[in-house]
C-alpha atoms as a PDB file:
ATOM      1  CA  MET A   1     -18.929  19.524 -12.965  1.00  0.00           C
ATOM      2  CA  LYS A   2     -15.571  19.129 -11.643  1.00  0.00           C
ATOM      3  CA  ILE A   3     -14.258  15.639 -11.625  1.00  0.00           C
ATOM      4  CA  PHE A   4     -11.007  14.606  -9.639  1.00  0.00           C
ATOM      5  CA  VAL A   5      -9.311  11.448 -11.220  1.00  0.00           C
ATOM      6  CA  ASP A   6      -6.986   8.990  -9.400  1.00  0.00           C
ATOM      7  CA  GLU A   7      -3.985   8.122 -11.505  1.00  0.00           C
ATOM      8  CA  ASN A   8      -5.564   4.718 -11.880  1.00  0.00           C
ATOM      9  CA  ILE A   9      -8.108   6.009 -14.338  1.00  0.00           C
ATOM     10  CA  PRO A  10      -7.114   5.319 -17.975  1.00  0.00           C
ATOM     11  CA  LEU A  11      -5.655   8.505 -19.773  1.00  0.00           C
ATOM     12  CA  SER A  12      -8.462   7.599 -22.433  1.00  0.00           C
ATOM     13  CA  THR A  13     -11.046   8.229 -19.925  1.00  0.00           C
ATOM     14  CA  VAL A  14      -9.656  11.523 -18.923  1.00  0.00           C
ATOM     15  CA  LYS A  15      -9.507  12.482 -22.517  1.00  0.00           C
ATOM     16  CA  GLU A  16     -13.030  11.653 -23.228  1.00  0.00           C
ATOM     17  CA  LEU A  17     -14.347  13.438 -20.014  1.00  0.00           C
ATOM     18  CA  VAL A  18     -12.413  16.569 -21.363  1.00  0.00           C
ATOM     19  CA  LEU A  19     -14.267  16.192 -24.545  1.00  0.00           C
ATOM     20  CA  GLN A  20     -17.412  15.951 -23.151  1.00  0.00           C
ATOM     21  CA  CYS A  21     -16.727  19.390 -21.381  1.00  0.00           C
ATOM     22  CA  TYR A  22     -15.960  18.331 -17.884  1.00  0.00           C
ATOM     23  CA  GLU A  23     -13.360  20.102 -15.724  1.00  0.00           C
ATOM     24  CA  VAL A  24     -10.980  17.258 -14.988  1.00  0.00           C
ATOM     25  CA  ILE A  25      -8.278  17.264 -12.448  1.00  0.00           C
ATOM     26  CA  ASP A  26      -5.779  14.671 -12.934  1.00  0.00           C
ATOM     27  CA  ILE A  27      -3.439  13.715 -10.247  1.00  0.00           C
ATOM     28  CA  ARG A  28      -1.292  11.637 -12.586  1.00  0.00           C
ATOM     29  CA  GLY A  29       2.215  13.033 -12.829  1.00  0.00           C
ATOM     30  CA  THR A  30       2.046  15.727  -9.954  1.00  0.00           C
ATOM     31  CA  ASP A  31       3.522  15.450  -6.610  1.00  0.00           C
ATOM     32  CA  ASP A  32       0.381  14.284  -5.277  1.00  0.00           C
ATOM     33  CA  GLN A  33       0.441  10.816  -7.272  1.00  0.00           C
ATOM     34  CA  GLY A  34       0.421   8.016  -4.668  1.00  0.00           C
ATOM     35  CA  ILE A  35      -1.003  10.008  -1.803  1.00  0.00           C
ATOM     36  CA  THR A  36      -2.998   8.106   0.726  1.00  0.00           C
ATOM     37  CA  ASP A  37      -6.826   7.406   0.234  1.00  0.00           C
ATOM     38  CA  GLU A  38      -7.475   9.732   3.081  1.00  0.00           C
ATOM     39  CA  VAL A  39      -5.745  12.621   1.522  1.00  0.00           C
ATOM     40  CA  LEU A  40      -6.978  12.033  -1.765  1.00  0.00           C
ATOM     41  CA  TRP A  41     -10.474  12.225  -0.719  1.00  0.00           C
ATOM     42  CA  GLN A  42      -9.860  15.395   1.432  1.00  0.00           C
ATOM     43  CA  LYS A  43      -8.314  16.952  -1.710  1.00  0.00           C
ATOM     44  CA  ALA A  44     -11.535  16.002  -3.754  1.00  0.00           C
ATOM     45  CA  GLN A  45     -13.708  17.433  -1.150  1.00  0.00           C
ATOM     46  CA  ASP A  46     -11.696  20.618  -0.641  1.00  0.00           C
ATOM     47  CA  LEU A  47     -11.892  21.049  -4.560  1.00  0.00           C
ATOM     48  CA  GLN A  48     -15.863  20.194  -4.254  1.00  0.00           C
ATOM     49  CA  CYS A  49     -14.982  17.532  -7.101  1.00  0.00           C
ATOM     50  CA  LEU A  50     -16.501  14.321  -7.805  1.00  0.00           C
ATOM     51  CA  LEU A  51     -13.845  11.533  -7.381  1.00  0.00           C
ATOM     52  CA  ILE A  52     -13.219   8.741  -9.673  1.00  0.00           C
ATOM     53  CA  THR A  53     -11.044   5.999  -8.878  1.00  0.00           C
ATOM     54  CA  THR A  54     -10.699   2.039  -9.679  1.00  0.00           C
ATOM     55  CA  ASP A  55      -8.742   1.595  -6.622  1.00  0.00           C
ATOM     56  CA  LYS A  56     -10.691  -1.673  -5.138  1.00  0.00           C
ATOM     57  CA  GLY A  57      -8.792  -0.723  -1.872  1.00  0.00           C
ATOM     58  CA  PHE A  58     -10.250   2.531  -1.515  1.00  0.00           C
ATOM     59  CA  THR A  59     -12.229   2.949   1.731  1.00  0.00           C
ATOM     60  CA  ILE A  60     -12.317   5.372   4.338  1.00  0.00           C
ATOM     61  CA  THR A  61     -14.214   4.705   7.651  1.00  0.00           C
ATOM     62  CA  GLY A  62     -17.068   7.088   8.334  1.00  0.00           C
ATOM     63  CA  MET A  63     -16.848   8.770   4.926  1.00  0.00           C
ATOM     64  CA  ASN A  64     -20.462   9.959   4.214  1.00  0.00           C
ATOM     65  CA  PRO A  65     -20.649  11.413   0.588  1.00  0.00           C
ATOM     66  CA  THR A  66     -24.277  12.838   1.005  1.00  0.00           C
ATOM     67  CA  THR A  67     -22.819  15.487   3.608  1.00  0.00           C
ATOM     68  CA  ALA A  68     -19.249  15.776   2.336  1.00  0.00           C
ATOM     69  CA  PHE A  69     -20.148  18.967   0.567  1.00  0.00           C
END
């Protein structure tokens, strides 16, 4: 399973996911850090990843995760 993590996810969580043999894509420290929620969601969809974020303001109107892939 591929997991896309937002920069607000603790590094300890990312490390644990890797130890559990998940393929983790971490946006932290990349040019994409700080992108909008819409772009973040689109990247996760394009990469066919589960998105993990703790951003309480993360909302995308009309987003339907059951039909995203």
